PDB file of N, CA and C in Angstrom:
ATOM      1  N   MET A   1     113.354  78.736  93.182  1.00  0.00           N
ATOM      2  CA  MET A   1     112.843  77.853  92.946  1.00  0.00           C
ATOM      3  C   MET A   1     111.657  77.273  92.731  1.00  0.00           C
ATOM      4  N   SER A   2     111.528  76.705  94.299  1.00  0.00           N
ATOM      5  CA  SER A   2     110.448  75.960  95.223  1.00  0.00           C
ATOM      6  C   SER A   2     108.966  77.507  94.815  1.00  0.00           C
ATOM      7  N   LYS A   3     109.429  78.490  95.547  1.00  0.00           N
ATOM      8  CA  LYS A   3     108.772  79.435  95.162  1.00  0.00           C
ATOM      9  C   LYS A   3     107.813  79.848  94.023  1.00  0.00           C
ATOM     10  N   THR A   4     108.281  79.583  93.069  1.00  0.00           N
ATOM     11  CA  THR A   4     107.979  80.322  91.594  1.00  0.00           C
ATOM     12  C   THR A   4     107.181  78.850  91.275  1.00  0.00           C
ATOM     13  N   ILE A   5     107.278  77.614  91.421  1.00  0.00           N
ATOM     14  CA  ILE A   5     106.179  76.437  91.398  1.00  0.00           C
ATOM     15  C   ILE A   5     105.481  76.664  92.592  1.00  0.00           C
ATOM     16  N   SER A   6     105.998  76.507  93.089  1.00  0.00           N
ATOM     17  CA  SER A   6     104.024  77.451  94.786  1.00  0.00           C
ATOM     18  C   SER A   6     103.177  78.504  94.059  1.00  0.00           C
ATOM     19  N   LEU A   7     104.279  79.408  93.652  1.00  0.00           N
ATOM     20  CA  LEU A   7     103.093  80.125  92.897  1.00  0.00           C
ATOM     21  C   LEU A   7     102.119  79.699  91.588  1.00  0.00           C
ATOM     22  N   LEU A   8     102.982  78.913  90.864  1.00  0.00           N
ATOM     23  CA  LEU A   8     102.522  78.584  89.305  1.00  0.00           C
ATOM     24  C   LEU A   8     100.980  77.518  90.182  1.00  0.00           C
ATOM     25  N   PHE A   9     101.703  76.924  90.993  1.00  0.00           N
ATOM     26  CA  PHE A   9     100.391  75.837  91.460  1.00  0.00           C
ATOM     27  C   PHE A   9      99.491  76.745  92.180  1.00  0.00           C
ATOM     28  N   CYS A  10      99.673  77.562  92.742  1.00  0.00           N
ATOM     29  CA  CYS A  10      98.630  78.410  93.444  1.00  0.00           C
ATOM     30  C   CYS A  10      97.423  78.677  92.532  1.00  0.00           C
ATOM     31  N   GLN A  11      97.860  79.492  91.241  1.00  0.00           N
ATOM     32  CA  GLN A  11      97.603  79.890  90.793  1.00  0.00           C
ATOM     33  C   GLN A  11      96.803  79.811  89.676  1.00  0.00           C
ATOM     34  N   ARG A  12      97.313  78.635  89.213  1.00  0.00           N
ATOM     35  CA  ARG A  12      96.489  77.312  88.379  1.00  0.00           C
ATOM     36  C   ARG A  12      95.056  76.712  89.248  1.00  0.00           C
ATOM     37  N   VAL A  13      95.525  76.153  90.687  1.00  0.00           N
ATOM     38  CA  VAL A  13      93.931  76.063  91.700  1.00  0.00           C
ATOM     39  C   VAL A  13      93.201  76.232  91.544  1.00  0.00           C
ATOM     40  N   SER A  14      94.071  78.038  91.917  1.00  0.00           N
ATOM     41  CA  SER A  14      92.698  79.398  91.991  1.00  0.00           C
ATOM     42  C   SER A  14      92.329  79.518  90.673  1.00  0.00           C
ATOM     43  N   ILE A  15      92.635  79.503  89.581  1.00  0.00           N
ATOM     44  CA  ILE A  15      91.807  79.105  88.159  1.00  0.00           C
ATOM     45  C   ILE A  15      91.154  78.042  87.891  1.00  0.00           C
ATOM     46  N   TYR A  16      91.180  76.883  88.258  1.00  0.00           N
ATOM     47  CA  TYR A  16      90.096  75.765  88.144  1.00  0.00           C
ATOM     48  C   TYR A  16      89.477  75.795  89.277  1.00  0.00           C
ATOM     49  N   VAL A  17      89.483  76.139  90.752  1.00  0.00           N
ATOM     50  CA  VAL A  17      88.312  76.950  91.519  1.00  0.00           C
ATOM     51  C   VAL A  17      87.687  77.548  91.187  1.00  0.00           C
ATOM     52  N   GLY A  18      88.154  78.333  90.321  1.00  0.00           N
ATOM     53  CA  GLY A  18      86.899  79.448  89.670  1.00  0.00           C
ATOM     54  C   GLY A  18      85.934  78.979  88.778  1.00  0.00           C
ATOM     55  N   HIS A  19      86.811  78.045  87.809  1.00  0.00           N
ATOM     56  CA  HIS A  19      85.847  77.745  86.554  1.00  0.00           C
ATOM     57  C   HIS A  19      84.931  76.562  87.806  1.00  0.00           C
ATOM     58  N   LEU A  20      85.447  75.878  88.823  1.00  0.00           N
ATOM     59  CA  LEU A  20      84.632  74.816  89.318  1.00  0.00           C
ATOM     60  C   LEU A  20      83.607  75.905  89.787  1.00  0.00           C
ATOM     61  N   TRP A  21      83.567  76.969  90.175  1.00  0.00           N
ATOM     62  CA  TRP A  21      82.432  77.603  90.979  1.00  0.00           C
ATOM     63  C   TRP A  21      81.618  78.460  90.270  1.00  0.00           C
ATOM     64  N   GLU A  22      81.647  78.978  89.343  1.00  0.00           N
ATOM     65  CA  GLU A  22      81.204  79.057  87.988  1.00  0.00           C
ATOM     66  C   GLU A  22      79.926  77.857  87.288  1.00  0.00           C
ATOM     67  N   VAL A  23      80.318  76.835  87.573  1.00  0.00           N
ATOM     68  CA  VAL A  23      79.589  75.824  87.413  1.00  0.00           C
ATOM     69  C   VAL A  23      78.729  75.564  87.986  1.00  0.00           C
ATOM     70  N   PHE A  24      79.202  75.071  89.500  1.00  0.00           N
ATOM     71  CA  PHE A  24      78.236  74.895  90.641  1.00  0.00           C
ATOM     72  C   PHE A  24      77.895  75.763  91.384  1.00  0.00           C
ATOM     73  N   GLN A  25      77.428  77.109  91.365  1.00  0.00           N
ATOM     74  CA  GLN A  25      77.117  78.272  92.272  1.00  0.00           C
ATOM     75  C   GLN A  25      75.989  77.977  92.155  1.00  0.00           C
ATOM     76  N   PRO A  26      75.578  77.841  90.561  1.00  0.00           N
ATOM     77  CA  PRO A  26      73.405  77.597  90.416  1.00  0.00           C
ATOM     78  C   PRO A  26      72.880  76.773  90.478  1.00  0.00           C
ATOM     79  N   LEU A  27      73.904  75.209  90.257  1.00  0.00           N
ATOM     80  CA  LEU A  27      73.546  73.949  91.389  1.00  0.00           C
ATOM     81  C   LEU A  27      73.444  74.240  92.478  1.00  0.00           C
ATOM     82  N   LEU A  28      74.247  74.800  93.666  1.00  0.00           N
ATOM     83  CA  LEU A  28      74.472  75.005  94.891  1.00  0.00           C
ATOM     84  C   LEU A  28      73.461  75.641  95.655  1.00  0.00           C
ATOM     85  N   PHE A  29      73.112  77.187  94.366  1.00  0.00           N
ATOM     86  CA  PHE A  29      72.055  77.778  95.027  1.00  0.00           C
ATOM     87  C   PHE A  29      70.636  77.299  94.329  1.00  0.00           C
ATOM     88  N   GLY A  30      70.734  76.764  93.873  1.00  0.00           N
ATOM     89  CA  GLY A  30      69.321  75.918  93.172  1.00  0.00           C
ATOM     90  C   GLY A  30      68.763  74.888  94.158  1.00  0.00           C
ATOM     91  N   LEU A  31      69.909  73.726  94.714  1.00  0.00           N
ATOM     92  CA  LEU A  31      69.393  72.705  95.457  1.00  0.00           C
ATOM     93  C   LEU A  31      68.906  73.721  97.147  1.00  0.00           C
ATOM     94  N   ILE A  32      69.746  74.869  96.862  1.00  0.00           N
ATOM     95  CA  ILE A  32      69.462  75.244  99.005  1.00  0.00           C
ATOM     96  C   ILE A  32      67.762  75.985  98.505  1.00  0.00           C
ATOM     97  N   GLY A  33      68.053  76.498  97.199  1.00  0.00           N
ATOM     98  CA  GLY A  33      65.791  77.123  97.036  1.00  0.00           C
ATOM     99  C   GLY A  33      65.323  76.476  97.136  1.00  0.00           C
ATOM    100  N   ALA A  34      65.908  74.957  96.849  1.00  0.00           N
ATOM    101  CA  ALA A  34      64.509  73.837  96.076  1.00  0.00           C
ATOM    102  C   ALA A  34      64.185  73.480  98.268  1.00  0.00           C
ATOM    103  N   GLU A  35      65.044  73.296  99.015  1.00  0.00           N
ATOM    104  CA  GLU A  35      64.858  72.967 100.185  1.00  0.00           C
ATOM    105  C   GLU A  35      63.995  73.511 101.618  1.00  0.00           C
ATOM    106  N   VAL A  36      63.908  74.767 100.661  1.00  0.00           N
ATOM    107  CA  VAL A  36      63.606  75.492 101.526  1.00  0.00           C
ATOM    108  C   VAL A  36      61.516  76.145 101.584  1.00  0.00           C
ATOM    109  N   SER A  37      60.917  75.869 102.240  1.00  0.00           N
ATOM    110  CA  SER A  37      59.863  75.181 102.392  1.00  0.00           C
ATOM    111  C   SER A  37      58.590  76.080 102.677  1.00  0.00           C
ATOM    112  N   LEU A  38      58.282  77.420 102.501  1.00  0.00           N
ATOM    113  CA  LEU A  38      58.284  78.921 102.231  1.00  0.00           C
ATOM    114  C   LEU A  38      55.826  78.718 102.931  1.00  0.00           C
ATOM    115  N   SER A  39      55.738  77.504 103.282  1.00  0.00           N
ATOM    116  CA  SER A  39      54.889  77.620 104.011  1.00  0.00           C
ATOM    117  C   SER A  39      55.511  77.139 105.766  1.00  0.00           C
ATOM    118  N   LEU A  40      56.236  76.754 106.012  1.00  0.00           N
ATOM    119  CA  LEU A  40      56.935  76.541 106.904  1.00  0.00           C
ATOM    120  C   LEU A  40      57.514  77.214 107.685  1.00  0.00           C
ATOM    121  N   ILE A  41      57.484  78.483 107.221  1.00  0.00           N
ATOM    122  CA  ILE A  41      58.307  80.204 107.634  1.00  0.00           C
ATOM    123  C   ILE A  41      57.791  80.282 107.979  1.00  0.00           C
ATOM    124  N   GLN A  42      57.982  81.174 109.831  1.00  0.00           N
ATOM    125  CA  GLN A  42      56.656  81.597 110.501  1.00  0.00           C
ATOM    126  C   GLN A  42      57.822  83.417 110.788  1.00  0.00           C
ATOM    127  N   ALA A  43      56.553  83.561 109.962  1.00  0.00           N
ATOM    128  CA  ALA A  43      56.296  85.823 110.065  1.00  0.00           C
ATOM    129  C   ALA A  43      57.186  85.936 110.777  1.00  0.00           C
ATOM    130  N   GLU A  44      57.685  85.584 112.040  1.00  0.00           N
ATOM    131  CA  GLU A  44      58.157  86.291 113.043  1.00  0.00           C
ATOM    132  C   GLU A  44      59.777  86.089 112.963  1.00  0.00           C
ATOM    133  N   THR A  45      60.345  84.352 112.447  1.00  0.00           N
ATOM    134  CA  THR A  45      61.527  84.605 111.534  1.00  0.00           C
ATOM    135  C   THR A  45      61.874  85.005 110.490  1.00  0.00           C
ATOM    136  N   VAL A  46      60.777  85.327 109.493  1.00  0.00           N
ATOM    137  CA  VAL A  46      61.247  86.498 108.315  1.00  0.00           C
ATOM    138  C   VAL A  46      61.517  87.931 108.428  1.00  0.00           C
ATOM    139  N   ALA A  47      60.632  88.027 110.286  1.00  0.00           N
ATOM    140  CA  ALA A  47      60.987  89.303 111.207  1.00  0.00           C
ATOM    141  C   ALA A  47      62.311  89.684 111.563  1.00  0.00           C
ATOM    142  N   LEU A  48      62.571  88.746 111.904  1.00  0.00           N
ATOM    143  CA  LEU A  48      63.605  88.604 112.206  1.00  0.00           C
ATOM    144  C   LEU A  48      65.289  88.558 111.709  1.00  0.00           C
ATOM    145  N   GLY A  49      64.552  87.612 110.499  1.00  0.00           N
ATOM    146  CA  GLY A  49      65.738  87.466 109.526  1.00  0.00           C
ATOM    147  C   GLY A  49      66.057  88.836 108.286  1.00  0.00           C
ATOM    148  N   LEU A  50      65.292  89.546 108.766  1.00  0.00           N
ATOM    149  CA  LEU A  50      65.236  91.004 107.655  1.00  0.00           C
ATOM    150  C   LEU A  50      65.924  92.244 109.198  1.00  0.00           C
ATOM    151  N   ALA A  51      65.635  91.826 110.337  1.00  0.00           N
ATOM    152  CA  ALA A  51      66.440  92.877 111.522  1.00  0.00           C
ATOM    153  C   ALA A  51      67.673  92.414 111.358  1.00  0.00           C
ATOM    154  N   VAL A  52      68.263  91.228 111.101  1.00  0.00           N
ATOM    155  CA  VAL A  52      69.782  91.336 111.224  1.00  0.00           C
ATOM    156  C   VAL A  52      70.169  91.645 110.334  1.00  0.00           C
ATOM    157  N   LEU A  53      69.485  91.768 108.946  1.00  0.00           N
ATOM    158  CA  LEU A  53      70.001  91.806 107.804  1.00  0.00           C
ATOM    159  C   LEU A  53      69.903  93.568 107.635  1.00  0.00           C
ATOM    160  N   GLY A  54      69.305  94.450 108.263  1.00  0.00           N
ATOM    161  CA  GLY A  54      68.574  95.324 108.628  1.00  0.00           C
ATOM    162  C   GLY A  54      70.187  95.686 109.256  1.00  0.00           C
ATOM    163  N   ILE A  55      70.221  95.256 110.496  1.00  0.00           N
ATOM    164  CA  ILE A  55      71.718  95.963 111.368  1.00  0.00           C
ATOM    165  C   ILE A  55      72.613  95.818 110.497  1.00  0.00           C
ATOM    166  N   GLY A  56      73.237  94.492 110.030  1.00  0.00           N
ATOM    167  CA  GLY A  56      74.210  94.338 109.752  1.00  0.00           C
ATOM    168  C   GLY A  56      74.601  95.630 108.266  1.00  0.00           C
ATOM    169  N   LEU A  57      73.139  95.504 107.756  1.00  0.00           N
ATOM    170  CA  LEU A  57      73.764  96.782 106.097  1.00  0.00           C
ATOM    171  C   LEU A  57      74.394  98.002 107.324  1.00  0.00           C
ATOM    172  N   VAL A  58      73.707  98.542 108.755  1.00  0.00           N
ATOM    173  CA  VAL A  58      73.623  99.691 109.100  1.00  0.00           C
ATOM    174  C   VAL A  58      75.732  99.727 109.854  1.00  0.00           C
ATOM    175  N   LEU A  59      75.440  98.062 110.010  1.00  0.00           N
ATOM    176  CA  LEU A  59      76.743  98.378 110.770  1.00  0.00           C
ATOM    177  C   LEU A  59      77.955  98.857 110.095  1.00  0.00           C
ATOM    178  N   ARG A  60      77.309  97.386 108.532  1.00  0.00           N
ATOM    179  CA  ARG A  60      78.572  97.946 107.321  1.00  0.00           C
ATOM    180  C   ARG A  60      78.511  99.055 107.225  1.00  0.00           C
ATOM    181  N   THR A  61      77.539 100.136 106.880  1.00  0.00           N
ATOM    182  CA  THR A  61      77.755 101.096 106.496  1.00  0.00           C
ATOM    183  C   THR A  61      78.997 102.065 107.362  1.00  0.00           C
ATOM    184  N   ILE A  62      78.382 101.865 108.330  1.00  0.00           N
ATOM    185  CA  ILE A  62      79.071 102.739 109.384  1.00  0.00           C
ATOM    186  C   ILE A  62      80.491 102.412 109.656  1.00  0.00           C
ATOM    187  N   THR A  63      80.677 101.350 109.202  1.00  0.00           N
ATOM    188  CA  THR A  63      82.297 101.024 109.560  1.00  0.00           C
ATOM    189  C   THR A  63      83.002 101.531 108.521  1.00  0.00           C
ATOM    190  N   SER A  64      82.486 101.076 107.343  1.00  0.00           N
ATOM    191  CA  SER A  64      83.161 101.635 105.530  1.00  0.00           C
ATOM    192  C   SER A  64      83.550 103.152 106.321  1.00  0.00           C
ATOM    193  N   PHE A  65      82.423 103.828 106.148  1.00  0.00           N
ATOM    194  CA  PHE A  65      82.074 105.558 106.828  1.00  0.00           C
ATOM    195  C   PHE A  65      83.338 105.783 107.560  1.00  0.00           C
ATOM    196  N   LEU A  66      83.281 105.132 108.914  1.00  0.00           N
ATOM    197  CA  LEU A  66      84.352 105.728 109.936  1.00  0.00           C
ATOM    198  C   LEU A  66      86.187 104.699 109.228  1.00  0.00           C
ATOM    199  N   ILE A  67      86.310 103.627 108.153  1.00  0.00           N
ATOM    200  CA  ILE A  67      87.341 103.296 108.030  1.00  0.00           C
ATOM    201  C   ILE A  67      87.359 104.241 107.159  1.00  0.00           C
ATOM    202  N   VAL A  68      87.508 105.492 106.232  1.00  0.00           N
ATOM    203  CA  VAL A  68      87.994 105.737 104.970  1.00  0.00           C
ATOM    204  C   VAL A  68      88.088 107.035 105.636  1.00  0.00           C
ATOM    205  N   MET A  69      87.366 107.486 106.889  1.00  0.00           N
ATOM    206  CA  MET A  69      87.298 109.107 107.828  1.00  0.00           C
ATOM    207  C   MET A  69      88.470 109.965 107.647  1.00  0.00           C
ATOM    208  N   GLY A  70      89.267 108.843 107.505  1.00  0.00           N
ATOM    209  CA  GLY A  70      91.126 109.537 108.137  1.00  0.00           C
ATOM    210  C   GLY A  70      91.600 109.237 106.373  1.00  0.00           C
ATOM    211  N   LEU A  71      91.058 109.033 105.124  1.00  0.00           N
ATOM    212  CA  LEU A  71      91.773 109.451 104.143  1.00  0.00           C
ATOM    213  C   LEU A  71      92.442 110.788 103.533  1.00  0.00           C
ATOM    214  N   GLY A  72      91.321 111.555 104.022  1.00  0.00           N
ATOM    215  CA  GLY A  72      90.909 113.112 103.431  1.00  0.00           C
ATOM    216  C   GLY A  72      90.501 112.723 102.401  1.00  0.00           C
ATOM    217  N   LEU A  73      88.934 112.150 102.331  1.00  0.00           N
ATOM    218  CA  LEU A  73      88.681 112.569 101.359  1.00  0.00           C
ATOM    219  C   LEU A  73      87.431 113.177 101.281  1.00  0.00           C
ATOM    220  N   SER A  74      86.515 113.783 100.556  1.00  0.00           N
ATOM    221  CA  SER A  74      85.336 114.767 100.960  1.00  0.00           C
ATOM    222  C   SER A  74      83.889 113.703 101.803  1.00  0.00           C
ATOM    223  N   LEU A  75      83.380 114.522 102.404  1.00  0.00           N
ATOM    224  CA  LEU A  75      82.113 114.578 102.920  1.00  0.00           C
ATOM    225  C   LEU A  75      81.372 113.080 101.647  1.00  0.00           C
ATOM    226  N   ARG A  76      81.365 114.020 101.000  1.00  0.00           N
ATOM    227  CA  ARG A  76      80.725 113.726  99.740  1.00  0.00           C
ATOM    228  C   ARG A  76      81.057 112.103  99.419  1.00  0.00           C
ATOM    229  N   GLU A  77      82.305 112.179  99.167  1.00  0.00           N
ATOM    230  CA  GLU A  77      83.781 110.561  98.815  1.00  0.00           C
ATOM    231  C   GLU A  77      83.084 109.938  99.823  1.00  0.00           C
ATOM    232  N   GLN A  78      83.402 110.395 101.521  1.00  0.00           N
ATOM    233  CA  GLN A  78      82.946 109.012 101.954  1.00  0.00           C
ATOM    234  C   GLN A  78      81.705 108.753 102.263  1.00  0.00           C
ATOM    235  N   LEU A  79      80.528 109.521 102.190  1.00  0.00           N
ATOM    236  CA  LEU A  79      79.332 108.678 102.411  1.00  0.00           C
ATOM    237  C   LEU A  79      79.573 107.628 100.552  1.00  0.00           C
ATOM    238  N   PHE A  80      79.699 107.989  99.682  1.00  0.00           N
ATOM    239  CA  PHE A  80      80.004 107.375  98.131  1.00  0.00           C
ATOM    240  C   PHE A  80      80.412 105.687  98.832  1.00  0.00           C
ATOM    241  N   VAL A  81      81.522 105.632  99.310  1.00  0.00           N
ATOM    242  CA  VAL A  81      82.446 104.260  99.273  1.00  0.00           C
ATOM    243  C   VAL A  81      82.016 103.998 100.724  1.00  0.00           C
ATOM    244  N   ALA A  82      80.847 104.455 101.348  1.00  0.00           N
ATOM    245  CA  ALA A  82      80.001 103.666 102.360  1.00  0.00           C
ATOM    246  C   ALA A  82      79.096 103.051 102.364  1.00  0.00           C
ATOM    247  N   LEU A  83      78.559 103.957 100.570  1.00  0.00           N
ATOM    248  CA  LEU A  83      76.766 103.235 100.122  1.00  0.00           C
ATOM    249  C   LEU A  83      77.553 102.288  99.280  1.00  0.00           C
ATOM    250  N   ALA A  84      78.219 102.544  98.382  1.00  0.00           N
ATOM    251  CA  ALA A  84      79.226 101.090  97.193  1.00  0.00           C
ATOM    252  C   ALA A  84      79.637 100.033  97.769  1.00  0.00           C
ATOM    253  N   TRP A  85      80.295 100.145  99.241  1.00  0.00           N
ATOM    254  CA  TRP A  85      80.322  98.809  99.671  1.00  0.00           C
ATOM    255  C   TRP A  85      79.301  97.904 100.616  1.00  0.00           C
ATOM    256  N   LEU A  86      77.447  99.213 100.539  1.00  0.00           N
ATOM    257  CA  LEU A  86      76.623  98.154 100.222  1.00  0.00           C
ATOM    258  C   LEU A  86      75.896  96.811  99.662  1.00  0.00           C
ATOM    259  N   PRO A  87      76.202  96.885  98.720  1.00  0.00           N
ATOM    260  CA  PRO A  87      75.793  95.529  97.968  1.00  0.00           C
ATOM    261  C   PRO A  87      76.741  94.267  98.358  1.00  0.00           C
ATOM    262  N   LYS A  88      77.692  94.432  99.028  1.00  0.00           N
ATOM    263  CA  LYS A  88      78.628  93.280  98.727  1.00  0.00           C
ATOM    264  C   LYS A  88      77.810  92.112  99.068  1.00  0.00           C
ATOM    265  N   ALA A  89      78.307  90.542  98.135  1.00  0.00           N
ATOM    266  CA  ALA A  89      77.585  89.875  98.597  1.00  0.00           C
ATOM    267  C   ALA A  89      78.019  89.250 100.379  1.00  0.00           C
ATOM    268  N   THR A  90      76.950  88.540  99.949  1.00  0.00           N
ATOM    269  CA  THR A  90      77.518  87.594 101.759  1.00  0.00           C
ATOM    270  C   THR A  90      77.395  85.878 101.285  1.00  0.00           C
ATOM    271  N   VAL A  91      77.932  85.690 100.286  1.00  0.00           N
ATOM    272  CA  VAL A  91      78.603  84.764 100.517  1.00  0.00           C
ATOM    273  C   VAL A  91      79.531  84.923  99.085  1.00  0.00           C
ATOM    274  N   GLN A  92      80.651  84.724  99.408  1.00  0.00           N
ATOM    275  CA  GLN A  92      82.190  84.900  98.342  1.00  0.00           C
ATOM    276  C   GLN A  92      82.863  83.571  97.782  1.00  0.00           C
ATOM    277  N   VAL A  93      82.993  84.005  96.767  1.00  0.00           N
ATOM    278  CA  VAL A  93      84.381  82.351  96.840  1.00  0.00           C
ATOM    279  C   VAL A  93      86.085  83.452  96.616  1.00  0.00           C
ATOM    280  N   THR A  94      86.832  83.640  97.437  1.00  0.00           N
ATOM    281  CA  THR A  94      88.270  84.260  97.484  1.00  0.00           C
ATOM    282  C   THR A  94      88.997  83.191  96.274  1.00  0.00           C
ATOM    283  N   SER A  95      89.617  83.779  95.844  1.00  0.00           N
ATOM    284  CA  SER A  95      90.422  82.765  94.906  1.00  0.00           C
ATOM    285  C   SER A  95      91.893  83.249  95.268  1.00  0.00           C
ATOM    286  N   ILE A  96      92.182  82.829  96.680  1.00  0.00           N
ATOM    287  CA  ILE A  96      93.239  82.599  97.786  1.00  0.00           C
ATOM    288  C   ILE A  96      93.279  81.546  98.363  1.00  0.00           C
ATOM    289  N   LEU A  97      93.947  80.668  97.724  1.00  0.00           N
ATOM    290  CA  LEU A  97      94.200  79.547  98.751  1.00  0.00           C
ATOM    291  C   LEU A  97      95.535  78.827  99.121  1.00  0.00           C
ATOM    292  N   CYS A  98      96.972  79.661  98.294  1.00  0.00           N
ATOM    293  CA  CYS A  98      97.899  80.007  99.164  1.00  0.00           C
ATOM    294  C   CYS A  98      98.316  81.246  99.763  1.00  0.00           C
TER     295      CYS A  98
END
């Protein structure tokens, strides 16, 4: 019985946190954006950030391609999966709380 109550509690909390995230996400990113002063950012910092993002995307593509390699998919399907996983957000909220 306690397992059922615990599961129901987790589901309710997950739904509640999901609603809170929908409300506060724009506020959070808006406040972070307001704190960034573009005039203070150096070109080297931007270049380094873009390099890190590029390397991350390349590694994510290679890793996802290697993961699906043994699943019996055609090369075209493997490439599709690898490219489909590219736009995953860096900031993600999971609903797994328990």
